[in-house]
Amino acid sequence: RVEEAKSILKKLIQKHKVDIISIGNGTASRESEKFVADMIGEIDR
């Protein structure tokens, strides 16, 4: 549910003015990293 997840995180980032996303290096880490990289490329902050 990629687009839904992006929408949720974008709102949290704007609401709390998030500076950095800290991703754990466990299971699904690199898939999550790709998702995060794609998402932050779509926001102004």
Full PDB file with SEQRES, HELIX, SHEET, SSBOND, CRYST1, ORIGX, SCALE, CONECT and MASTER records, all heavy atoms in Angstrom:
SEQRES   1 A   45  ARG VAL GLU GLU ALA LYS SER ILE LEU LYS LYS LEU ILE          
SEQRES   2 A   45  GLN LYS HIS LYS VAL ASP ILE ILE SER ILE GLY ASN GLY          
SEQRES   3 A   45  THR ALA SER ARG GLU SER GLU LYS PHE VAL ALA ASP MET          
SEQRES   4 A   45  ILE GLY GLU ILE ASP ARG                                      
HELIX    1 AA1 VAL A    2  HIS A   16  1                                  15    
HELIX    2 AA2 SER A   29  ILE A   40  1                                  12    
CRYST1    1.000    1.000    1.000  90.00  90.00  90.00 P 1           1          
ORIGX1      1.000000  0.000000  0.000000        0.00000                         
ORIGX2      0.000000  1.000000  0.000000        0.00000                         
ORIGX3      0.000000  0.000000  1.000000        0.00000                         
SCALE1      1.000000  0.000000  0.000000        0.00000                         
SCALE2      0.000000  1.000000  0.000000        0.00000                         
SCALE3      0.000000  0.000000  1.000000        0.00000                         
ATOM      1  N   ARG A   1       0.860  -1.203   0.000  1.00  0.00           N  
ATOM      2  CA  ARG A   1       0.000   0.000   0.000  1.00  0.00           C  
ATOM      3  C   ARG A   1       0.892   1.249   0.000  1.00  0.00           C  
ATOM      4  O   ARG A   1       0.937   2.033   0.952  1.00  0.00           O  
ATOM      5  CB  ARG A   1      -0.936  -0.035   1.198  1.00  0.00           C  
ATOM      6  CG  ARG A   1      -2.032  -1.078   1.026  1.00  0.00           C  
ATOM      7  CD  ARG A   1      -2.533  -1.722   2.294  1.00  0.00           C  
ATOM      8  NE  ARG A   1      -2.995  -0.805   3.320  1.00  0.00           N  
ATOM      9  CZ  ARG A   1      -3.465  -1.203   4.513  1.00  0.00           C  
ATOM     10  NH1 ARG A   1      -3.537  -2.512   4.778  1.00  0.00           N  
ATOM     11  NH2 ARG A   1      -3.853  -0.334   5.417  1.00  0.00           N  
ATOM     12  N   VAL A   2       1.633   1.392  -1.097  1.00  0.00           N  
ATOM     13  CA  VAL A   2       2.689   2.400  -1.191  1.00  0.00           C  
ATOM     14  C   VAL A   2       2.138   3.829  -1.133  1.00  0.00           C  
ATOM     15  O   VAL A   2       2.613   4.661  -0.338  1.00  0.00           O  
ATOM     16  CB  VAL A   2       3.509   2.202  -2.481  1.00  0.00           C  
ATOM     17  CG1 VAL A   2       4.555   3.321  -2.621  1.00  0.00           C  
ATOM     18  CG2 VAL A   2       4.186   0.849  -2.479  1.00  0.00           C  
ATOM     19  N   GLU A   3       1.157   4.143  -1.961  1.00  0.00           N  
ATOM     20  CA  GLU A   3       0.656   5.518  -2.028  1.00  0.00           C  
ATOM     21  C   GLU A   3       0.002   5.931  -0.717  1.00  0.00           C  
ATOM     22  O   GLU A   3       0.156   7.067  -0.257  1.00  0.00           O  
ATOM     23  CB  GLU A   3      -0.326   5.665  -3.197  1.00  0.00           C  
ATOM     24  CG  GLU A   3       0.326   5.514  -4.564  1.00  0.00           C  
ATOM     25  CD  GLU A   3       1.522   6.445  -4.747  1.00  0.00           C  
ATOM     26  OE1 GLU A   3       1.409   7.633  -4.359  1.00  0.00           O  
ATOM     27  OE2 GLU A   3       2.564   5.989  -5.251  1.00  0.00           O  
ATOM     28  N   GLU A   4      -0.736   5.006  -0.109  1.00  0.00           N  
ATOM     29  CA  GLU A   4      -1.350   5.295   1.189  1.00  0.00           C  
ATOM     30  C   GLU A   4      -0.278   5.596   2.231  1.00  0.00           C  
ATOM     31  O   GLU A   4      -0.389   6.548   3.015  1.00  0.00           O  
ATOM     32  CB  GLU A   4      -2.189   4.098   1.642  1.00  0.00           C  
ATOM     33  CG  GLU A   4      -2.798   4.263   3.030  1.00  0.00           C  
ATOM     34  CD  GLU A   4      -3.422   2.969   3.537  1.00  0.00           C  
ATOM     35  OE1 GLU A   4      -2.662   2.143   4.113  1.00  0.00           O  
ATOM     36  OE2 GLU A   4      -4.630   2.789   3.350  1.00  0.00           O  
ATOM     37  N   ALA A   5       0.805   4.779   2.241  1.00  0.00           N  
ATOM     38  CA  ALA A   5       1.898   4.964   3.194  1.00  0.00           C  
ATOM     39  C   ALA A   5       2.587   6.309   2.985  1.00  0.00           C  
ATOM     40  O   ALA A   5       2.924   7.018   3.941  1.00  0.00           O  
ATOM     41  CB  ALA A   5       2.903   3.824   3.063  1.00  0.00           C  
ATOM     42  N   LYS A   6       2.801   6.667   1.709  1.00  0.00           N  
ATOM     43  CA  LYS A   6       3.425   7.960   1.417  1.00  0.00           C  
ATOM     44  C   LYS A   6       2.583   9.109   1.951  1.00  0.00           C  
ATOM     45  O   LYS A   6       3.100  10.067   2.551  1.00  0.00           O  
ATOM     46  CB  LYS A   6       3.608   8.128  -0.096  1.00  0.00           C  
ATOM     47  CG  LYS A   6       4.766   7.347  -0.684  1.00  0.00           C  
ATOM     48  CD  LYS A   6       4.893   7.663  -2.171  1.00  0.00           C  
ATOM     49  CE  LYS A   6       6.058   6.904  -2.800  1.00  0.00           C  
ATOM     50  NZ  LYS A   6       6.182   7.209  -4.252  1.00  0.00           N  
ATOM     51  N   SER A   7       1.297   9.016   1.747  1.00  0.00           N  
ATOM     52  CA  SER A   7       0.394  10.076   2.188  1.00  0.00           C  
ATOM     53  C   SER A   7       0.454  10.261   3.699  1.00  0.00           C  
ATOM     54  O   SER A   7       0.516  11.395   4.207  1.00  0.00           O  
ATOM     55  CB  SER A   7      -1.036   9.743   1.755  1.00  0.00           C  
ATOM     56  OG  SER A   7      -1.944  10.695   2.248  1.00  0.00           O  
ATOM     57  N   ILE A   8       0.474   9.141   4.421  1.00  0.00           N  
ATOM     58  CA  ILE A   8       0.519   9.197   5.890  1.00  0.00           C  
ATOM     59  C   ILE A   8       1.814   9.848   6.361  1.00  0.00           C  
ATOM     60  O   ILE A   8       1.813  10.733   7.237  1.00  0.00           O  
ATOM     61  CB  ILE A   8       0.380   7.780   6.481  1.00  0.00           C  
ATOM     62  CG1 ILE A   8      -1.027   7.236   6.206  1.00  0.00           C  
ATOM     63  CG2 ILE A   8       0.664   7.787   7.985  1.00  0.00           C  
ATOM     64  CD1 ILE A   8      -1.182   5.761   6.551  1.00  0.00           C  
ATOM     65  N   LEU A   9       2.941   9.428   5.786  1.00  0.00           N  
ATOM     66  CA  LEU A   9       4.236   9.962   6.234  1.00  0.00           C  
ATOM     67  C   LEU A   9       4.407  11.430   5.853  1.00  0.00           C  
ATOM     68  O   LEU A   9       4.983  12.214   6.619  1.00  0.00           O  
ATOM     69  CB  LEU A   9       5.387   9.128   5.661  1.00  0.00           C  
ATOM     70  CG  LEU A   9       5.549   7.705   6.195  1.00  0.00           C  
ATOM     71  CD1 LEU A   9       6.951   7.190   5.895  1.00  0.00           C  
ATOM     72  CD2 LEU A   9       5.290   7.615   7.691  1.00  0.00           C  
ATOM     73  N   LYS A  10       3.931  11.798   4.685  1.00  0.00           N  
ATOM     74  CA  LYS A  10       4.046  13.202   4.268  1.00  0.00           C  
ATOM     75  C   LYS A  10       3.324  14.116   5.258  1.00  0.00           C  
ATOM     76  O   LYS A  10       3.816  15.187   5.616  1.00  0.00           O  
ATOM     77  CB  LYS A  10       3.470  13.381   2.865  1.00  0.00           C  
ATOM     78  CG  LYS A  10       4.346  12.818   1.756  1.00  0.00           C  
ATOM     79  CD  LYS A  10       3.660  12.951   0.403  1.00  0.00           C  
ATOM     80  CE  LYS A  10       4.495  12.327  -0.710  1.00  0.00           C  
ATOM     81  NZ  LYS A  10       3.806  12.396  -2.029  1.00  0.00           N  
ATOM     82  N   LYS A  11       2.154  13.677   5.710  1.00  0.00           N  
ATOM     83  CA  LYS A  11       1.396  14.474   6.686  1.00  0.00           C  
ATOM     84  C   LYS A  11       2.145  14.589   8.008  1.00  0.00           C  
ATOM     85  O   LYS A  11       2.193  15.662   8.630  1.00  0.00           O  
ATOM     86  CB  LYS A  11       0.022  13.844   6.904  1.00  0.00           C  
ATOM     87  CG  LYS A  11      -0.910  13.987   5.715  1.00  0.00           C  
ATOM     88  CD  LYS A  11      -2.237  13.276   5.961  1.00  0.00           C  
ATOM     89  CE  LYS A  11      -3.148  13.398   4.733  1.00  0.00           C  
ATOM     90  NZ  LYS A  11      -4.419  12.648   4.916  1.00  0.00           N  
ATOM     91  N   LEU A  12       2.751  13.461   8.454  1.00  0.00           N  
ATOM     92  CA  LEU A  12       3.513  13.481   9.708  1.00  0.00           C  
ATOM     93  C   LEU A  12       4.732  14.381   9.592  1.00  0.00           C  
ATOM     94  O   LEU A  12       5.076  15.118  10.530  1.00  0.00           O  
ATOM     95  CB  LEU A  12       3.951  12.060  10.086  1.00  0.00           C  
ATOM     96  CG  LEU A  12       2.869  11.117  10.629  1.00  0.00           C  
ATOM     97  CD1 LEU A  12       3.457   9.720  10.845  1.00  0.00           C  
ATOM     98  CD2 LEU A  12       2.311  11.650  11.952  1.00  0.00           C  
ATOM     99  N   ILE A  13       5.390  14.319   8.449  1.00  0.00           N  
ATOM    100  CA  ILE A  13       6.594  15.137   8.229  1.00  0.00           C  
ATOM    101  C   ILE A  13       6.251  16.616   8.275  1.00  0.00           C  
ATOM    102  O   ILE A  13       6.957  17.424   8.903  1.00  0.00           O  
ATOM    103  CB  ILE A  13       7.257  14.763   6.882  1.00  0.00           C  
ATOM    104  CG1 ILE A  13       7.887  13.357   6.985  1.00  0.00           C  
ATOM    105  CG2 ILE A  13       8.320  15.791   6.494  1.00  0.00           C  
ATOM    106  CD1 ILE A  13       8.354  12.792   5.648  1.00  0.00           C  
ATOM    107  N   GLN A  14       5.166  17.003   7.620  1.00  0.00           N  
ATOM    108  CA  GLN A  14       4.761  18.406   7.611  1.00  0.00           C  
ATOM    109  C   GLN A  14       4.262  18.844   8.984  1.00  0.00           C  
ATOM    110  O   GLN A  14       4.582  19.933   9.468  1.00  0.00           O  
ATOM    111  CB  GLN A  14       3.657  18.627   6.562  1.00  0.00           C  
ATOM    112  CG  GLN A  14       4.110  18.421   5.136  1.00  0.00           C  
ATOM    113  CD  GLN A  14       5.217  19.372   4.704  1.00  0.00           C  
ATOM    114  OE1 GLN A  14       5.392  20.456   5.268  1.00  0.00           O  
ATOM    115  NE2 GLN A  14       6.003  18.963   3.706  1.00  0.00           N  
ATOM    116  N   LYS A  15       3.501  17.989   9.648  1.00  0.00           N  
ATOM    117  CA  LYS A  15       2.920  18.324  10.946  1.00  0.00           C  
ATOM    118  C   LYS A  15       3.993  18.571  11.997  1.00  0.00           C  
ATOM    119  O   LYS A  15       3.925  19.531  12.779  1.00  0.00           O  
ATOM    120  CB  LYS A  15       1.995  17.192  11.391  1.00  0.00           C  
ATOM    121  CG  LYS A  15       1.373  17.407  12.772  1.00  0.00           C  
ATOM    122  CD  LYS A  15       0.494  16.215  13.159  1.00  0.00           C  
ATOM    123  CE  LYS A  15      -0.085  16.401  14.552  1.00  0.00           C  
ATOM    124  NZ  LYS A  15      -0.927  15.229  14.966  1.00  0.00           N  
ATOM    125  N   HIS A  16       5.004  17.711  12.029  1.00  0.00           N  
ATOM    126  CA  HIS A  16       6.013  17.789  13.097  1.00  0.00           C  
ATOM    127  C   HIS A  16       7.349  18.367  12.616  1.00  0.00           C  
ATOM    128  O   HIS A  16       8.310  18.417  13.388  1.00  0.00           O  
ATOM    129  CB  HIS A  16       6.239  16.401  13.694  1.00  0.00           C  
ATOM    130  CG  HIS A  16       5.012  15.794  14.305  1.00  0.00           C  
ATOM    131  ND1 HIS A  16       4.398  16.316  15.416  1.00  0.00           N  
ATOM    132  CD2 HIS A  16       4.262  14.725  13.928  1.00  0.00           C  
ATOM    133  CE1 HIS A  16       3.336  15.582  15.723  1.00  0.00           C  
ATOM    134  NE2 HIS A  16       3.216  14.618  14.831  1.00  0.00           N  
ATOM    135  N   LYS A  17       7.383  18.772  11.329  1.00  0.00           N  
ATOM    136  CA  LYS A  17       8.613  19.351  10.763  1.00  0.00           C  
ATOM    137  C   LYS A  17       9.797  18.395  10.941  1.00  0.00           C  
ATOM    138  O   LYS A  17      10.852  18.753  11.484  1.00  0.00           O  
ATOM    139  CB  LYS A  17       8.908  20.719  11.384  1.00  0.00           C  
ATOM    140  CG  LYS A  17       7.837  21.763  11.070  1.00  0.00           C  
ATOM    141  CD  LYS A  17       8.183  23.107  11.669  1.00  0.00           C  
ATOM    142  CE  LYS A  17       7.236  24.201  11.209  1.00  0.00           C  
ATOM    143  NZ  LYS A  17       5.809  23.888  11.396  1.00  0.00           N  
ATOM    144  N   VAL A  18       9.638  17.187  10.465  1.00  0.00           N  
ATOM    145  CA  VAL A  18      10.663  16.137  10.570  1.00  0.00           C  
ATOM    146  C   VAL A  18      11.884  16.523   9.740  1.00  0.00           C  
ATOM    147  O   VAL A  18      11.767  16.982   8.600  1.00  0.00           O  
ATOM    148  CB  VAL A  18      10.101  14.778  10.106  1.00  0.00           C  
ATOM    149  CG1 VAL A  18      11.215  13.733  10.010  1.00  0.00           C  
ATOM    150  CG2 VAL A  18       9.005  14.312  11.061  1.00  0.00           C  
ATOM    151  N   ASP A  19      13.066  16.333  10.319  1.00  0.00           N  
ATOM    152  CA  ASP A  19      14.328  16.645   9.629  1.00  0.00           C  
ATOM    153  C   ASP A  19      14.984  15.407   9.030  1.00  0.00           C  
ATOM    154  O   ASP A  19      15.559  15.462   7.940  1.00  0.00           O  
ATOM    155  CB  ASP A  19      15.312  17.301  10.610  1.00  0.00           C  
ATOM    156  CG  ASP A  19      14.777  18.600  11.179  1.00  0.00           C  
ATOM    157  OD1 ASP A  19      14.471  19.499  10.383  1.00  0.00           O  
ATOM    158  OD2 ASP A  19      14.651  18.702  12.418  1.00  0.00           O  
ATOM    159  N   ILE A  20      14.953  14.299   9.783  1.00  0.00           N  
ATOM    160  CA  ILE A  20      15.665  13.089   9.367  1.00  0.00           C  
ATOM    161  C   ILE A  20      14.790  11.863   9.628  1.00  0.00           C  
ATOM    162  O   ILE A  20      14.073  11.801  10.631  1.00  0.00           O  
ATOM    163  CB  ILE A  20      16.993  12.915  10.146  1.00  0.00           C  
ATOM    164  CG1 ILE A  20      17.866  14.167  10.022  1.00  0.00           C  
ATOM    165  CG2 ILE A  20      17.769  11.695   9.653  1.00  0.00           C  
ATOM    166  CD1 ILE A  20      19.073  14.161  10.949  1.00  0.00           C  
ATOM    167  N   ILE A  21      14.884  10.892   8.726  1.00  0.00           N  
ATOM    168  CA  ILE A  21      14.213   9.604   8.934  1.00  0.00           C  
ATOM    169  C   ILE A  21      15.282   8.566   9.237  1.00  0.00           C  
ATOM    170  O   ILE A  21      16.230   8.390   8.464  1.00  0.00           O  
ATOM    171  CB  ILE A  21      13.395   9.188   7.698  1.00  0.00           C  
ATOM    172  CG1 ILE A  21      12.328  10.247   7.399  1.00  0.00           C  
ATOM    173  CG2 ILE A  21      12.738   7.820   7.930  1.00  0.00           C  
ATOM    174  CD1 ILE A  21      11.546   9.985   6.121  1.00  0.00           C  
ATOM    175  N   SER A  22      15.153   7.919  10.373  1.00  0.00           N  
ATOM    176  CA  SER A  22      16.117   6.909  10.822  1.00  0.00           C  
ATOM    177  C   SER A  22      15.522   5.533  10.544  1.00  0.00           C  
ATOM    178  O   SER A  22      14.527   5.146  11.158  1.00  0.00           O  
ATOM    179  CB  SER A  22      16.390   7.095  12.327  1.00  0.00           C  
ATOM    180  OG  SER A  22      17.274   6.116  12.809  1.00  0.00           O  
ATOM    181  N   ILE A  23      16.135   4.804   9.614  1.00  0.00           N  
ATOM    182  CA  ILE A  23      15.598   3.506   9.182  1.00  0.00           C  
ATOM    183  C   ILE A  23      16.418   2.368   9.796  1.00  0.00           C  
ATOM    184  O   ILE A  23      17.646   2.336   9.676  1.00  0.00           O  
ATOM    185  CB  ILE A  23      15.637   3.377   7.642  1.00  0.00           C  
ATOM    186  CG1 ILE A  23      14.912   4.563   6.997  1.00  0.00           C  
ATOM    187  CG2 ILE A  23      15.021   2.058   7.191  1.00  0.00           C  
ATOM    188  CD1 ILE A  23      15.061   4.607   5.480  1.00  0.00           C  
ATOM    189  N   GLY A  24      15.757   1.436  10.445  1.00  0.00           N  
ATOM    190  CA  GLY A  24      16.439   0.270  11.005  1.00  0.00           C  
ATOM    191  C   GLY A  24      16.964  -0.629   9.905  1.00  0.00           C  
ATOM    192  O   GLY A  24      16.385  -0.704   8.815  1.00  0.00           O  
ATOM    193  N   ASN A  25      18.059  -1.330  10.171  1.00  0.00           N  
ATOM    194  CA  ASN A  25      18.711  -2.127   9.129  1.00  0.00           C  
ATOM    195  C   ASN A  25      18.282  -3.596   9.119  1.00  0.00           C  
ATOM    196  O   ASN A  25      18.990  -4.453   8.609  1.00  0.00           O  
ATOM    197  CB  ASN A  25      20.236  -2.044   9.277  1.00  0.00           C  
ATOM    198  CG  ASN A  25      20.731  -2.709  10.563  1.00  0.00           C  
ATOM    199  OD1 ASN A  25      19.946  -2.945  11.495  1.00  0.00           O  
ATOM    200  ND2 ASN A  25      22.018  -3.013  10.621  1.00  0.00           N  
ATOM    201  N   GLY A  26      17.101  -3.878   9.670  1.00  0.00           N  
ATOM    202  CA  GLY A  26      16.653  -5.272   9.733  1.00  0.00           C  
ATOM    203  C   GLY A  26      15.877  -5.705   8.502  1.00  0.00           C  
ATOM    204  O   GLY A  26      16.071  -5.185   7.393  1.00  0.00           O  
ATOM    205  N   THR A  27      14.973  -6.670   8.705  1.00  0.00           N  
ATOM    206  CA  THR A  27      14.159  -7.214   7.624  1.00  0.00           C  
ATOM    207  C   THR A  27      13.425  -6.103   6.872  1.00  0.00           C  
ATOM    208  O   THR A  27      12.858  -5.197   7.489  1.00  0.00           O  
ATOM    209  CB  THR A  27      13.123  -8.200   8.197  1.00  0.00           C  
ATOM    210  OG1 THR A  27      13.814  -9.219   8.921  1.00  0.00           O  
ATOM    211  CG2 THR A  27      12.297  -8.832   7.095  1.00  0.00           C  
ATOM    212  N   ALA A  28      13.459  -6.166   5.541  1.00  0.00           N  
ATOM    213  CA  ALA A  28      12.788  -5.191   4.664  1.00  0.00           C  
ATOM    214  C   ALA A  28      13.426  -3.807   4.718  1.00  0.00           C  
ATOM    215  O   ALA A  28      12.830  -2.815   4.280  1.00  0.00           O  
ATOM    216  CB  ALA A  28      11.297  -5.085   4.990  1.00  0.00           C  
ATOM    217  N   SER A  29      14.643  -3.717   5.209  1.00  0.00           N  
ATOM    218  CA  SER A  29      15.315  -2.427   5.350  1.00  0.00           C  
ATOM    219  C   SER A  29      15.518  -1.730   4.005  1.00  0.00           C  
ATOM    220  O   SER A  29      15.187  -0.557   3.850  1.00  0.00           O  
ATOM    221  CB  SER A  29      16.672  -2.625   6.043  1.00  0.00           C  
ATOM    222  OG  SER A  29      17.445  -1.452   5.965  1.00  0.00           O  
ATOM    223  N   ARG A  30      16.044  -2.454   3.026  1.00  0.00           N  
ATOM    224  CA  ARG A  30      16.366  -1.797   1.757  1.00  0.00           C  
ATOM    225  C   ARG A  30      15.121  -1.479   0.937  1.00  0.00           C  
ATOM    226  O   ARG A  30      15.064  -0.477   0.237  1.00  0.00           O  
ATOM    227  CB  ARG A  30      17.345  -2.668   0.963  1.00  0.00           C  
ATOM    228  CG  ARG A  30      18.723  -2.784   1.617  1.00  0.00           C  
ATOM    229  CD  ARG A  30      19.321  -1.421   1.958  1.00  0.00           C  
ATOM    230  NE  ARG A  30      20.636  -1.555   2.591  1.00  0.00           N  
ATOM    231  CZ  ARG A  30      21.378  -0.540   3.003  1.00  0.00           C  
ATOM    232  NH1 ARG A  30      20.946   0.687   2.872  1.00  0.00           N  
ATOM    233  NH2 ARG A  30      22.552  -0.750   3.576  1.00  0.00           N  
ATOM    234  N   GLU A  31      14.089  -2.325   1.052  1.00  0.00           N  
ATOM    235  CA  GLU A  31      12.830  -1.999   0.388  1.00  0.00           C  
ATOM    236  C   GLU A  31      12.242  -0.730   1.006  1.00  0.00           C  
ATOM    237  O   GLU A  31      11.714   0.146   0.304  1.00  0.00           O  
ATOM    238  CB  GLU A  31      11.835  -3.157   0.530  1.00  0.00           C  
ATOM    239  CG  GLU A  31      12.218  -4.412  -0.235  1.00  0.00           C  
ATOM    240  CD  GLU A  31      13.079  -5.359   0.586  1.00  0.00           C  
ATOM    241  OE1 GLU A  31      13.712  -4.905   1.564  1.00  0.00           O  
ATOM    242  OE2 GLU A  31      13.120  -6.550   0.256  1.00  0.00           O  
ATOM    243  N   SER A  32      12.355  -0.642   2.336  1.00  0.00           N  
ATOM    244  CA  SER A  32      11.865   0.545   3.039  1.00  0.00           C  
ATOM    245  C   SER A  32      12.683   1.772   2.664  1.00  0.00           C  
ATOM    246  O   SER A  32      12.149   2.883   2.520  1.00  0.00           O  
ATOM    247  CB  SER A  32      11.918   0.320   4.555  1.00  0.00           C  
ATOM    248  OG  SER A  32      11.086  -0.758   4.930  1.00  0.00           O  
ATOM    249  N   GLU A  33      13.988   1.571   2.496  1.00  0.00           N  
ATOM    250  CA  GLU A  33      14.856   2.685   2.107  1.00  0.00           C  
ATOM    251  C   GLU A  33      14.445   3.246   0.748  1.00  0.00           C  
ATOM    252  O   GLU A  33      14.366   4.470   0.549  1.00  0.00           O  
ATOM    253  CB  GLU A  33      16.307   2.220   2.065  1.00  0.00           C  
ATOM    254  CG  GLU A  33      17.279   3.312   1.634  1.00  0.00           C  
ATOM    255  CD  GLU A  33      18.691   2.799   1.405  1.00  0.00           C  
ATOM    256  OE1 GLU A  33      18.891   1.574   1.438  1.00  0.00           O  
ATOM    257  OE2 GLU A  33      19.580   3.638   1.177  1.00  0.00           O  
ATOM    258  N   LYS A  34      14.168   2.342  -0.205  1.00  0.00           N  
ATOM    259  CA  LYS A  34      13.757   2.801  -1.539  1.00  0.00           C  
ATOM    260  C   LYS A  34      12.444   3.568  -1.462  1.00  0.00           C  
ATOM    261  O   LYS A  34      12.270   4.622  -2.099  1.00  0.00           O  
ATOM    262  CB  LYS A  34      13.614   1.607  -2.482  1.00  0.00           C  
ATOM    263  CG  LYS A  34      13.335   2.009  -3.934  1.00  0.00           C  
ATOM    264  CD  LYS A  34      13.297   0.812  -4.838  1.00  0.00           C  
ATOM    265  CE  LYS A  34      13.188   1.256  -6.311  1.00  0.00           C  
ATOM    266  NZ  LYS A  34      12.142   2.232  -6.561  1.00  0.00           N  
ATOM    267  N   PHE A  35      11.524   3.054  -0.636  1.00  0.00           N  
ATOM    268  CA  PHE A  35      10.245   3.734  -0.449  1.00  0.00           C  
ATOM    269  C   PHE A  35      10.454   5.136   0.130  1.00  0.00           C  
ATOM    270  O   PHE A  35       9.867   6.122  -0.342  1.00  0.00           O  
ATOM    271  CB  PHE A  35       9.349   2.893   0.481  1.00  0.00           C  
ATOM    272  CG  PHE A  35       8.229   3.662   1.104  1.00  0.00           C  
ATOM    273  CD1 PHE A  35       7.091   3.980   0.381  1.00  0.00           C  
ATOM    274  CD2 PHE A  35       8.316   4.094   2.435  1.00  0.00           C  
ATOM    275  CE1 PHE A  35       6.055   4.702   0.963  1.00  0.00           C  
ATOM    276  CE2 PHE A  35       7.292   4.812   3.017  1.00  0.00           C  
ATOM    277  CZ  PHE A  35       6.152   5.122   2.274  1.00  0.00           C  
ATOM    278  N   VAL A  36      11.304   5.253   1.146  1.00  0.00           N  
ATOM    279  CA  VAL A  36      11.566   6.543   1.793  1.00  0.00           C  
ATOM    280  C   VAL A  36      12.230   7.510   0.812  1.00  0.00           C  
ATOM    281  O   VAL A  36      11.865   8.698   0.737  1.00  0.00           O  
ATOM    282  CB  VAL A  36      12.444   6.348   3.048  1.00  0.00           C  
ATOM    283  CG1 VAL A  36      12.984   7.691   3.541  1.00  0.00           C  
ATOM    284  CG2 VAL A  36      11.652   5.665   4.155  1.00  0.00           C  
ATOM    285  N   ALA A  37      13.221   6.997   0.054  1.00  0.00           N  
ATOM    286  CA  ALA A  37      13.918   7.856  -0.902  1.00  0.00           C  
ATOM    287  C   ALA A  37      12.951   8.407  -1.949  1.00  0.00           C  
ATOM    288  O   ALA A  37      13.006   9.592  -2.320  1.00  0.00           O  
ATOM    289  CB  ALA A  37      15.042   7.078  -1.573  1.00  0.00           C  
ATOM    290  N   ASP A  38      12.052   7.549  -2.435  1.00  0.00           N  
ATOM    291  CA  ASP A  38      11.058   7.997  -3.424  1.00  0.00           C  
ATOM    292  C   ASP A  38      10.131   9.050  -2.818  1.00  0.00           C  
ATOM    293  O   ASP A  38       9.797  10.055  -3.465  1.00  0.00           O  
ATOM    294  CB  ASP A  38      10.222   6.803  -3.910  1.00  0.00           C  
ATOM    295  CG  ASP A  38      11.022   5.855  -4.794  1.00  0.00           C  
ATOM    296  OD1 ASP A  38      12.095   6.268  -5.270  1.00  0.00           O  
ATOM    297  OD2 ASP A  38      10.572   4.709  -4.983  1.00  0.00           O  
ATOM    298  N   MET A  39       9.719   8.816  -1.566  1.00  0.00           N  
ATOM    299  CA  MET A  39       8.764   9.712  -0.918  1.00  0.00           C  
ATOM    300  C   MET A  39       9.350  11.096  -0.681  1.00  0.00           C  
ATOM    301  O   MET A  39       8.719  12.126  -0.974  1.00  0.00           O  
ATOM    302  CB  MET A  39       8.298   9.112   0.402  1.00  0.00           C  
ATOM    303  CG  MET A  39       7.291   9.986   1.127  1.00  0.00           C  
ATOM    304  SD  MET A  39       7.256   9.674   2.893  1.00  0.00           S  
ATOM    305  CE  MET A  39       8.914  10.092   3.394  1.00  0.00           C  
ATOM    306  N   ILE A  40      10.600  11.141  -0.126  1.00  0.00           N  
ATOM    307  CA  ILE A  40      11.161  12.460   0.202  1.00  0.00           C  
ATOM    308  C   ILE A  40      11.506  13.259  -1.054  1.00  0.00           C  
ATOM    309  O   ILE A  40      11.671  14.477  -1.002  1.00  0.00           O  
ATOM    310  CB  ILE A  40      12.394  12.355   1.133  1.00  0.00           C  
ATOM    311  CG1 ILE A  40      13.540  11.589   0.466  1.00  0.00           C  
ATOM    312  CG2 ILE A  40      12.021  11.702   2.445  1.00  0.00           C  
ATOM    313  CD1 ILE A  40      14.777  11.494   1.334  1.00  0.00           C  
ATOM    314  N   GLY A  41      11.577  12.540  -2.186  1.00  0.00           N  
ATOM    315  CA  GLY A  41      11.783  13.246  -3.450  1.00  0.00           C  
ATOM    316  C   GLY A  41      10.528  13.937  -3.930  1.00  0.00           C  
ATOM    317  O   GLY A  41      10.562  14.739  -4.876  1.00  0.00           O  
ATOM    318  N   GLU A  42       9.396  13.632  -3.278  1.00  0.00           N  
ATOM    319  CA  GLU A  42       8.109  14.185  -3.691  1.00  0.00           C  
ATOM    320  C   GLU A  42       7.625  15.316  -2.777  1.00  0.00           C  
ATOM    321  O   GLU A  42       6.521  15.833  -2.954  1.00  0.00           O  
ATOM    322  CB  GLU A  42       7.048  13.073  -3.714  1.00  0.00           C  
ATOM    323  CG  GLU A  42       7.374  11.956  -4.703  1.00  0.00           C  
ATOM    324  CD  GLU A  42       6.404  10.780  -4.580  1.00  0.00           C  
ATOM    325  OE1 GLU A  42       5.436  10.891  -3.785  1.00  0.00           O  
ATOM    326  OE2 GLU A  42       6.621   9.757  -5.250  1.00  0.00           O  
ATOM    327  N   ILE A  43       8.445  15.675  -1.751  1.00  0.00           N  
ATOM    328  CA  ILE A  43       7.996  16.722  -0.824  1.00  0.00           C  
ATOM    329  C   ILE A  43       8.930  17.926  -0.895  1.00  0.00           C  
ATOM    330  O   ILE A  43      10.090  17.813  -1.301  1.00  0.00           O  
ATOM    331  CB  ILE A  43       7.911  16.196   0.626  1.00  0.00           C  
ATOM    332  CG1 ILE A  43       9.273  15.658   1.089  1.00  0.00           C  
ATOM    333  CG2 ILE A  43       6.859  15.117   0.751  1.00  0.00           C  
ATOM    334  CD1 ILE A  43       9.257  15.160   2.522  1.00  0.00           C  
ATOM    335  N   ASP A  44       8.410  19.069  -0.491  1.00  0.00           N  
ATOM    336  CA  ASP A  44       9.187  20.313  -0.560  1.00  0.00           C  
ATOM    337  C   ASP A  44      10.182  20.437   0.591  1.00  0.00           C  
ATOM    338  O   ASP A  44      11.247  21.030   0.438  1.00  0.00           O  
ATOM    339  CB  ASP A  44       8.240  21.522  -0.548  1.00  0.00           C  
ATOM    340  CG  ASP A  44       7.355  21.558  -1.795  1.00  0.00           C  
ATOM    341  OD1 ASP A  44       7.812  21.045  -2.827  1.00  0.00           O  
ATOM    342  OD2 ASP A  44       6.229  22.081  -1.704  1.00  0.00           O  
ATOM    343  N   ARG A  45       9.825  19.913   1.745  1.00  0.00           N  
ATOM    344  CA  ARG A  45      10.682  20.062   2.919  1.00  0.00           C  
ATOM    345  C   ARG A  45      11.975  19.262   2.750  1.00  0.00           C  
ATOM    346  O   ARG A  45      11.951  18.108   2.321  1.00  0.00           O  
ATOM    347  CB  ARG A  45       9.927  19.589   4.167  1.00  0.00           C  
ATOM    348  CG  ARG A  45      10.740  19.735   5.439  1.00  0.00           C  
ATOM    349  CD  ARG A  45       9.939  19.387   6.686  1.00  0.00           C  
ATOM    350  NE  ARG A  45      10.777  19.487   7.861  1.00  0.00           N  
ATOM    351  CZ  ARG A  45      11.117  20.626   8.454  1.00  0.00           C  
ATOM    352  NH1 ARG A  45      10.672  21.772   7.962  1.00  0.00           N  
ATOM    353  NH2 ARG A  45      11.888  20.649   9.519  1.00  0.00           N  
TER     354      ARG A  45                                                      
MASTER        0    0    0    2    0    0    0    6  353    1    0    4          
END                                                                             
